[in-house]
Amino acid sequence: MRGVLVGALAVVAVLGVAGAVAVPEAKQWYEGRHEEASSYATGQEAKADRKSVPRWLPDGASSVEYAMRTTGGERILKATLPDGKLPAPCQPLDAAKTPEPEIDAAWFPGGITDDAQGRCGSYYVAMKGHTLYAWQTNEDWVEGNRRSAQ
C-alpha cells in the first residue's frame, strides 16, 4: 500500500512540474499564433515580399524588421533610413496622445510612443538617429480601409 501511495505522489509531482512548464509555453504559443515577423535587407525587398508593408517605406531603407498580426491591422516596423529623415509622405504629428503599439518584438523598443514625431499614412512614426520606428493600431487600419473604400 505504501508503494502505491509513493507512486501516486510521484505521478502528481511530475504532473505538477509538467503543468508548471507547459501552461506558460502554451499561453505564449496561443497569444502569438497569429503573429508573423520578417527581416529584409532593403525596403524594396520588404515591399516586394509583403503587400502589407507600407508603400511609403523608402526602397533604399535597410535592415528592415517587420511584424504583423494576421487577424487585424496591428503592425510594427523598424528600418534604417540613409538620410535619417522621415519619408516624404509623412506629416507632423497632431495628436495629443499617441497610442501604444498593440504587438511587440524584441527589436521594437518600449516607450517609443513618447518619441512619436509624425504620421505616415495610418502609421505613427518616430526617428532615433537614422532608425525609423513605425506602428499601426488595428483601429487605424480599419479606419484607413474604410476611407479607401469610399
N, C-alpha and C. Protein backbone atom coordinates (compact mmCIF):
# COMPACT_ATOMS: atom_id res chain seq x y z
N MET A 1 0.82 -1.19 0.00
CA MET A 1 0.00 0.00 0.00
C MET A 1 0.87 1.26 0.00
N ARG A 2 1.94 1.19 0.80
CA ARG A 2 2.82 2.36 0.89
C ARG A 2 3.47 2.64 -0.47
N GLY A 3 3.81 1.61 -1.21
CA GLY A 3 4.40 1.78 -2.54
C GLY A 3 3.45 2.45 -3.51
N VAL A 4 2.17 2.12 -3.43
CA VAL A 4 1.16 2.73 -4.29
C VAL A 4 1.03 4.21 -3.95
N LEU A 5 1.04 4.54 -2.68
CA LEU A 5 0.92 5.93 -2.25
C LEU A 5 2.12 6.75 -2.72
N VAL A 6 3.31 6.20 -2.57
CA VAL A 6 4.53 6.88 -3.03
C VAL A 6 4.48 7.05 -4.54
N GLY A 7 4.05 6.03 -5.25
CA GLY A 7 3.93 6.11 -6.70
C GLY A 7 2.93 7.17 -7.13
N ALA A 8 1.81 7.23 -6.45
CA ALA A 8 0.77 8.22 -6.77
C ALA A 8 1.29 9.63 -6.51
N LEU A 9 1.99 9.81 -5.39
CA LEU A 9 2.57 11.13 -5.09
C LEU A 9 3.61 11.52 -6.13
N ALA A 10 4.40 10.57 -6.59
CA ALA A 10 5.41 10.85 -7.62
C ALA A 10 4.74 11.28 -8.92
N VAL A 11 3.66 10.61 -9.29
CA VAL A 11 2.94 10.96 -10.51
C VAL A 11 2.36 12.37 -10.38
N VAL A 12 1.78 12.68 -9.24
CA VAL A 12 1.22 14.01 -9.02
C VAL A 12 2.32 15.07 -9.09
N ALA A 13 3.47 14.80 -8.51
CA ALA A 13 4.59 15.76 -8.55
C ALA A 13 5.07 15.97 -9.97
N VAL A 14 5.22 14.91 -10.74
CA VAL A 14 5.67 15.03 -12.13
C VAL A 14 4.65 15.81 -12.95
N LEU A 15 3.38 15.51 -12.77
CA LEU A 15 2.34 16.24 -13.49
C LEU A 15 2.31 17.71 -13.10
N GLY A 16 2.54 18.00 -11.83
CA GLY A 16 2.59 19.40 -11.38
C GLY A 16 3.72 20.16 -12.02
N VAL A 17 4.91 19.55 -12.07
CA VAL A 17 6.06 20.20 -12.71
C VAL A 17 5.80 20.36 -14.20
N ALA A 18 5.29 19.32 -14.83
CA ALA A 18 4.99 19.40 -16.27
C ALA A 18 3.97 20.50 -16.55
N GLY A 19 2.97 20.62 -15.72
CA GLY A 19 1.97 21.67 -15.90
C GLY A 19 2.56 23.05 -15.72
N ALA A 20 3.46 23.18 -14.74
CA ALA A 20 4.09 24.49 -14.49
C ALA A 20 4.94 24.93 -15.68
N VAL A 21 5.48 23.99 -16.40
CA VAL A 21 6.29 24.30 -17.59
C VAL A 21 5.41 24.46 -18.82
N ALA A 22 4.45 23.56 -19.00
CA ALA A 22 3.65 23.52 -20.22
C ALA A 22 2.65 24.67 -20.32
N VAL A 23 2.04 25.05 -19.23
CA VAL A 23 0.99 26.08 -19.28
C VAL A 23 1.54 27.42 -19.78
N PRO A 24 2.67 27.94 -19.24
CA PRO A 24 3.20 29.19 -19.79
C PRO A 24 3.60 29.08 -21.26
N GLU A 25 4.16 27.95 -21.65
CA GLU A 25 4.53 27.75 -23.06
C GLU A 25 3.30 27.74 -23.95
N ALA A 26 2.26 27.06 -23.52
CA ALA A 26 1.03 27.02 -24.30
C ALA A 26 0.40 28.40 -24.39
N LYS A 27 0.43 29.15 -23.31
CA LYS A 27 -0.13 30.50 -23.32
C LYS A 27 0.63 31.39 -24.29
N GLN A 28 1.96 31.30 -24.28
CA GLN A 28 2.78 32.09 -25.21
C GLN A 28 2.47 31.71 -26.65
N TRP A 29 2.35 30.41 -26.94
CA TRP A 29 2.02 29.98 -28.29
C TRP A 29 0.63 30.50 -28.68
N TYR A 30 -0.34 30.35 -27.78
CA TYR A 30 -1.71 30.75 -28.08
C TYR A 30 -1.80 32.24 -28.39
N GLU A 31 -1.14 33.06 -27.58
CA GLU A 31 -1.21 34.50 -27.78
C GLU A 31 -0.45 34.97 -29.01
N GLY A 32 0.59 34.26 -29.42
CA GLY A 32 1.40 34.69 -30.55
C GLY A 32 1.14 33.93 -31.85
N ARG A 33 0.15 33.06 -31.86
CA ARG A 33 -0.05 32.19 -33.03
C ARG A 33 -0.49 32.95 -34.27
N HIS A 34 -1.02 34.14 -34.11
CA HIS A 34 -1.47 34.92 -35.25
C HIS A 34 -0.51 36.07 -35.58
N GLU A 35 0.72 35.95 -35.13
CA GLU A 35 1.71 36.98 -35.41
C GLU A 35 2.80 36.42 -36.31
N GLU A 36 3.23 37.25 -37.24
CA GLU A 36 4.31 36.89 -38.15
C GLU A 36 5.35 37.99 -38.13
N ALA A 37 6.61 37.62 -38.30
CA ALA A 37 7.70 38.59 -38.32
C ALA A 37 8.66 38.22 -39.45
N SER A 38 9.24 39.25 -40.06
CA SER A 38 10.18 39.04 -41.16
C SER A 38 11.28 40.08 -41.08
N SER A 39 12.41 39.73 -41.66
CA SER A 39 13.56 40.65 -41.78
C SER A 39 13.93 40.76 -43.24
N TYR A 40 14.31 41.96 -43.65
CA TYR A 40 14.67 42.21 -45.05
C TYR A 40 15.91 43.09 -45.11
N ALA A 41 16.66 42.93 -46.16
CA ALA A 41 17.86 43.76 -46.35
C ALA A 41 17.48 45.18 -46.74
N THR A 42 16.41 45.34 -47.53
CA THR A 42 16.02 46.67 -48.02
C THR A 42 14.50 46.86 -47.96
N GLY A 43 14.09 48.11 -48.05
CA GLY A 43 12.68 48.43 -48.13
C GLY A 43 12.06 47.87 -49.41
N GLN A 44 12.81 47.91 -50.49
CA GLN A 44 12.32 47.38 -51.76
C GLN A 44 12.02 45.89 -51.63
N GLU A 45 12.91 45.15 -51.00
CA GLU A 45 12.71 43.72 -50.80
C GLU A 45 11.49 43.45 -49.91
N ALA A 46 11.35 44.24 -48.86
CA ALA A 46 10.21 44.06 -47.95
C ALA A 46 8.89 44.29 -48.68
N LYS A 47 8.80 45.36 -49.46
CA LYS A 47 7.55 45.67 -50.17
C LYS A 47 7.26 44.64 -51.26
N ALA A 48 8.30 44.07 -51.86
CA ALA A 48 8.08 43.05 -52.88
C ALA A 48 7.57 41.75 -52.26
N ASP A 49 8.00 41.46 -51.04
CA ASP A 49 7.63 40.21 -50.39
C ASP A 49 6.26 40.27 -49.72
N ARG A 50 5.92 41.41 -49.13
CA ARG A 50 4.66 41.53 -48.38
C ARG A 50 3.88 42.75 -48.81
N LYS A 51 2.67 42.54 -49.26
CA LYS A 51 1.82 43.66 -49.67
C LYS A 51 1.43 44.53 -48.49
N SER A 52 1.52 44.00 -47.28
CA SER A 52 1.12 44.76 -46.10
C SER A 52 2.21 45.73 -45.61
N VAL A 53 3.42 45.62 -46.14
CA VAL A 53 4.47 46.59 -45.78
C VAL A 53 4.07 47.93 -46.39
N PRO A 54 4.13 49.00 -45.61
CA PRO A 54 3.65 50.29 -46.14
C PRO A 54 4.45 50.76 -47.36
N ARG A 55 3.72 51.29 -48.34
CA ARG A 55 4.34 51.75 -49.59
C ARG A 55 5.22 52.97 -49.38
N TRP A 56 5.01 53.72 -48.29
CA TRP A 56 5.82 54.91 -48.05
C TRP A 56 7.23 54.58 -47.56
N LEU A 57 7.48 53.33 -47.18
CA LEU A 57 8.82 52.93 -46.76
C LEU A 57 9.76 53.08 -47.96
N PRO A 58 10.83 53.87 -47.82
CA PRO A 58 11.74 54.07 -48.96
C PRO A 58 12.38 52.76 -49.42
N ASP A 59 12.51 52.61 -50.73
CA ASP A 59 13.18 51.42 -51.28
C ASP A 59 14.58 51.28 -50.72
N GLY A 60 15.26 52.40 -50.48
CA GLY A 60 16.64 52.38 -50.00
C GLY A 60 16.80 52.17 -48.51
N ALA A 61 15.68 51.99 -47.79
CA ALA A 61 15.79 51.68 -46.35
C ALA A 61 16.52 50.35 -46.21
N SER A 62 17.27 50.21 -45.12
CA SER A 62 17.99 48.97 -44.90
C SER A 62 17.66 48.38 -43.54
N SER A 63 18.09 47.16 -43.31
CA SER A 63 17.88 46.47 -42.03
C SER A 63 16.42 46.56 -41.58
N VAL A 64 15.53 46.16 -42.44
CA VAL A 64 14.09 46.26 -42.18
C VAL A 64 13.62 45.08 -41.34
N GLU A 65 12.94 45.39 -40.24
CA GLU A 65 12.28 44.39 -39.40
C GLU A 65 10.80 44.71 -39.44
N TYR A 66 9.97 43.69 -39.58
CA TYR A 66 8.54 43.90 -39.73
C TYR A 66 7.79 42.81 -38.99
N ALA A 67 6.79 43.18 -38.22
CA ALA A 67 5.94 42.21 -37.53
C ALA A 67 4.49 42.64 -37.69
N MET A 68 3.63 41.64 -37.80
CA MET A 68 2.21 41.92 -38.02
C MET A 68 1.36 40.85 -37.38
N ARG A 69 0.14 41.23 -37.09
CA ARG A 69 -0.86 40.27 -36.63
C ARG A 69 -1.71 39.93 -37.85
N THR A 70 -1.93 38.64 -38.07
CA THR A 70 -2.66 38.19 -39.25
C THR A 70 -4.16 38.32 -39.12
N THR A 71 -4.65 38.61 -37.92
CA THR A 71 -6.09 38.71 -37.69
C THR A 71 -6.58 40.14 -37.64
N GLY A 72 -5.73 41.09 -37.95
CA GLY A 72 -6.12 42.50 -37.90
C GLY A 72 -5.04 43.36 -38.52
N GLY A 73 -5.03 44.63 -38.18
CA GLY A 73 -4.10 45.58 -38.79
C GLY A 73 -2.94 45.99 -37.92
N GLU A 74 -2.69 45.30 -36.82
CA GLU A 74 -1.60 45.66 -35.94
C GLU A 74 -0.26 45.38 -36.63
N ARG A 75 0.58 46.41 -36.70
CA ARG A 75 1.88 46.29 -37.37
C ARG A 75 2.93 47.07 -36.60
N ILE A 76 4.17 46.60 -36.65
CA ILE A 76 5.33 47.37 -36.19
C ILE A 76 6.43 47.21 -37.22
N LEU A 77 7.26 48.23 -37.32
CA LEU A 77 8.29 48.28 -38.35
C LEU A 77 9.51 49.01 -37.80
N LYS A 78 10.66 48.51 -38.16
CA LYS A 78 11.92 49.18 -37.82
C LYS A 78 12.78 49.15 -39.08
N ALA A 79 13.39 50.28 -39.42
CA ALA A 79 14.25 50.33 -40.61
C ALA A 79 15.29 51.43 -40.43
N THR A 80 16.40 51.26 -41.09
CA THR A 80 17.44 52.29 -41.11
C THR A 80 17.25 53.10 -42.39
N LEU A 81 17.15 54.43 -42.21
CA LEU A 81 16.99 55.32 -43.36
C LEU A 81 18.31 56.03 -43.61
N PRO A 82 18.80 56.01 -44.85
CA PRO A 82 20.12 56.58 -45.13
C PRO A 82 20.27 58.04 -44.75
N ASP A 83 19.21 58.84 -44.95
CA ASP A 83 19.32 60.27 -44.65
C ASP A 83 18.85 60.64 -43.24
N GLY A 84 18.28 59.67 -42.50
CA GLY A 84 17.83 59.92 -41.15
C GLY A 84 16.63 60.84 -41.04
N LYS A 85 15.89 61.01 -42.13
CA LYS A 85 14.71 61.88 -42.15
C LYS A 85 13.46 61.04 -42.38
N LEU A 86 12.33 61.55 -41.86
CA LEU A 86 11.06 60.88 -42.13
C LEU A 86 10.79 60.86 -43.63
N PRO A 87 10.20 59.79 -44.14
CA PRO A 87 9.86 59.74 -45.57
C PRO A 87 8.97 60.91 -45.97
N ALA A 88 9.07 61.31 -47.22
CA ALA A 88 8.36 62.49 -47.74
C ALA A 88 6.86 62.49 -47.48
N PRO A 89 6.13 61.38 -47.65
CA PRO A 89 4.68 61.44 -47.45
C PRO A 89 4.25 61.63 -46.00
N CYS A 90 5.16 61.57 -45.07
CA CYS A 90 4.81 61.67 -43.65
C CYS A 90 4.46 63.11 -43.27
N GLN A 91 3.54 63.22 -42.33
CA GLN A 91 3.08 64.52 -41.84
C GLN A 91 3.42 64.65 -40.36
N PRO A 92 3.66 65.88 -39.89
CA PRO A 92 3.92 66.07 -38.46
C PRO A 92 2.75 65.57 -37.63
N LEU A 93 3.04 65.07 -36.46
CA LEU A 93 2.02 64.52 -35.59
C LEU A 93 1.18 65.64 -34.99
N ASP A 94 -0.14 65.49 -35.08
CA ASP A 94 -1.02 66.50 -34.50
C ASP A 94 -1.84 65.94 -33.34
N ALA A 95 -1.65 64.69 -33.02
CA ALA A 95 -2.41 64.07 -31.93
C ALA A 95 -1.76 64.37 -30.60
N ALA A 96 -2.56 64.62 -29.60
CA ALA A 96 -2.04 64.88 -28.26
C ALA A 96 -1.56 63.59 -27.62
N LYS A 97 -2.25 62.49 -27.85
CA LYS A 97 -1.90 61.20 -27.26
C LYS A 97 -1.67 60.19 -28.35
N THR A 98 -0.52 59.57 -28.32
CA THR A 98 -0.18 58.56 -29.32
C THR A 98 -0.46 57.18 -28.74
N PRO A 99 -1.19 56.33 -29.46
CA PRO A 99 -1.50 55.00 -28.92
C PRO A 99 -0.26 54.11 -28.87
N GLU A 100 -0.27 53.19 -27.95
CA GLU A 100 0.81 52.21 -27.83
C GLU A 100 0.69 51.19 -28.96
N PRO A 101 1.80 50.63 -29.42
CA PRO A 101 1.72 49.52 -30.36
C PRO A 101 0.96 48.36 -29.72
N GLU A 102 0.23 47.61 -30.52
CA GLU A 102 -0.59 46.53 -29.99
C GLU A 102 0.07 45.16 -30.11
N ILE A 103 1.26 45.13 -30.69
CA ILE A 103 2.08 43.91 -30.70
C ILE A 103 3.49 44.35 -30.32
N ASP A 104 4.33 43.37 -30.02
CA ASP A 104 5.69 43.72 -29.64
C ASP A 104 6.69 42.74 -30.25
N ALA A 105 7.94 43.14 -30.21
CA ALA A 105 9.05 42.31 -30.67
C ALA A 105 10.29 42.77 -29.91
N ALA A 106 11.27 41.90 -29.81
CA ALA A 106 12.49 42.23 -29.07
C ALA A 106 13.19 43.45 -29.67
N TRP A 107 13.06 43.65 -30.97
CA TRP A 107 13.76 44.74 -31.65
C TRP A 107 12.98 46.06 -31.62
N PHE A 108 11.77 46.06 -31.09
CA PHE A 108 10.95 47.27 -31.05
C PHE A 108 10.93 47.80 -29.62
N PRO A 109 11.46 49.00 -29.39
CA PRO A 109 11.61 49.49 -28.01
C PRO A 109 10.29 49.87 -27.34
N GLY A 110 10.21 49.61 -26.07
CA GLY A 110 9.08 50.07 -25.28
C GLY A 110 9.19 51.57 -25.07
N GLY A 111 8.07 52.22 -24.86
CA GLY A 111 8.08 53.65 -24.60
C GLY A 111 8.33 54.52 -25.81
N ILE A 112 8.32 53.96 -26.99
CA ILE A 112 8.61 54.72 -28.21
C ILE A 112 7.52 55.75 -28.50
N THR A 113 6.33 55.55 -27.98
CA THR A 113 5.23 56.48 -28.24
C THR A 113 5.56 57.89 -27.74
N ASP A 114 6.40 57.98 -26.72
CA ASP A 114 6.80 59.30 -26.21
C ASP A 114 7.63 60.08 -27.24
N ASP A 115 8.21 59.36 -28.20
CA ASP A 115 9.08 59.99 -29.20
C ASP A 115 8.42 60.12 -30.57
N ALA A 116 7.10 59.84 -30.65
CA ALA A 116 6.40 59.92 -31.93
C ALA A 116 6.52 61.32 -32.51
N GLN A 117 6.82 61.39 -33.80
CA GLN A 117 7.02 62.68 -34.48
C GLN A 117 6.05 62.93 -35.61
N GLY A 118 5.45 61.87 -36.13
CA GLY A 118 4.60 62.09 -37.29
C GLY A 118 3.70 60.92 -37.58
N ARG A 119 2.97 61.08 -38.69
CA ARG A 119 2.11 60.02 -39.22
C ARG A 119 2.51 59.79 -40.66
N CYS A 120 2.67 58.55 -41.01
CA CYS A 120 2.90 58.14 -42.39
C CYS A 120 1.73 57.23 -42.73
N GLY A 121 0.77 57.77 -43.44
CA GLY A 121 -0.46 57.02 -43.68
C GLY A 121 -1.13 56.75 -42.34
N SER A 122 -1.42 55.50 -42.07
CA SER A 122 -2.06 55.15 -40.79
C SER A 122 -1.05 54.75 -39.71
N TYR A 123 0.22 54.90 -40.00
CA TYR A 123 1.28 54.56 -39.04
C TYR A 123 1.71 55.78 -38.24
N TYR A 124 2.02 55.57 -36.98
CA TYR A 124 2.72 56.56 -36.16
C TYR A 124 4.20 56.28 -36.34
N VAL A 125 5.02 57.33 -36.38
CA VAL A 125 6.45 57.13 -36.63
C VAL A 125 7.30 57.94 -35.66
N ALA A 126 8.47 57.40 -35.39
CA ALA A 126 9.47 58.08 -34.57
C ALA A 126 10.84 57.78 -35.18
N MET A 127 11.73 58.77 -35.13
CA MET A 127 13.10 58.60 -35.60
C MET A 127 14.05 58.67 -34.41
N LYS A 128 14.98 57.75 -34.35
CA LYS A 128 16.07 57.76 -33.37
C LYS A 128 17.36 57.66 -34.17
N GLY A 129 17.99 58.80 -34.39
CA GLY A 129 19.15 58.81 -35.28
C GLY A 129 18.69 58.49 -36.69
N HIS A 130 19.23 57.46 -37.27
CA HIS A 130 18.83 57.03 -38.62
C HIS A 130 17.81 55.90 -38.59
N THR A 131 17.36 55.53 -37.41
CA THR A 131 16.43 54.40 -37.28
C THR A 131 14.99 54.90 -37.18
N LEU A 132 14.17 54.39 -38.07
CA LEU A 132 12.74 54.68 -38.11
C LEU A 132 12.01 53.58 -37.35
N TYR A 133 11.12 53.98 -36.47
CA TYR A 133 10.21 53.05 -35.81
C TYR A 133 8.80 53.47 -36.19
N ALA A 134 7.99 52.51 -36.59
CA ALA A 134 6.62 52.82 -37.01
C ALA A 134 5.68 51.75 -36.46
N TRP A 135 4.46 52.17 -36.11
CA TRP A 135 3.46 51.23 -35.63
C TRP A 135 2.08 51.67 -36.06
N GLN A 136 1.26 50.67 -36.29
CA GLN A 136 -0.12 50.89 -36.72
C GLN A 136 -1.03 50.10 -35.79
N THR A 137 -2.09 50.73 -35.33
CA THR A 137 -3.06 50.03 -34.50
C THR A 137 -4.15 49.43 -35.39
N ASN A 138 -4.86 48.46 -34.85
CA ASN A 138 -5.95 47.87 -35.61
C ASN A 138 -7.02 48.90 -35.93
N GLU A 139 -7.32 49.77 -34.98
CA GLU A 139 -8.35 50.79 -35.19
C GLU A 139 -7.97 51.72 -36.35
N ASP A 140 -6.71 52.14 -36.41
CA ASP A 140 -6.27 53.00 -37.52
C ASP A 140 -6.30 52.25 -38.85
N TRP A 141 -5.98 50.97 -38.82
CA TRP A 141 -6.02 50.15 -40.03
C TRP A 141 -7.45 50.04 -40.55
N VAL A 142 -8.39 49.79 -39.64
CA VAL A 142 -9.80 49.69 -40.03
C VAL A 142 -10.27 51.01 -40.62
N GLU A 143 -9.93 52.12 -39.96
CA GLU A 143 -10.34 53.45 -40.45
C GLU A 143 -9.73 53.73 -41.82
N GLY A 144 -8.46 53.39 -42.02
CA GLY A 144 -7.81 53.59 -43.32
C GLY A 144 -8.49 52.78 -44.42
N ASN A 145 -8.87 51.55 -44.11
CA ASN A 145 -9.58 50.73 -45.10
C ASN A 145 -10.97 51.29 -45.39
N ARG A 146 -11.61 51.81 -44.38
CA ARG A 146 -12.95 52.40 -44.57
C ARG A 146 -12.85 53.62 -45.50
N ARG A 147 -11.85 54.47 -45.26
CA ARG A 147 -11.68 55.67 -46.11
C ARG A 147 -11.35 55.30 -47.55
N SER A 148 -10.49 54.31 -47.73
CA SER A 148 -10.09 53.95 -49.10
C SER A 148 -11.21 53.26 -49.87
N ALA A 149 -12.19 52.68 -49.17
CA ALA A 149 -13.31 52.02 -49.81
C ALA A 149 -14.37 53.00 -50.29
N GLN A 150 -14.32 54.25 -49.79
CA GLN A 150 -15.35 55.23 -50.15
C GLN A 150 -15.03 55.92 -51.45
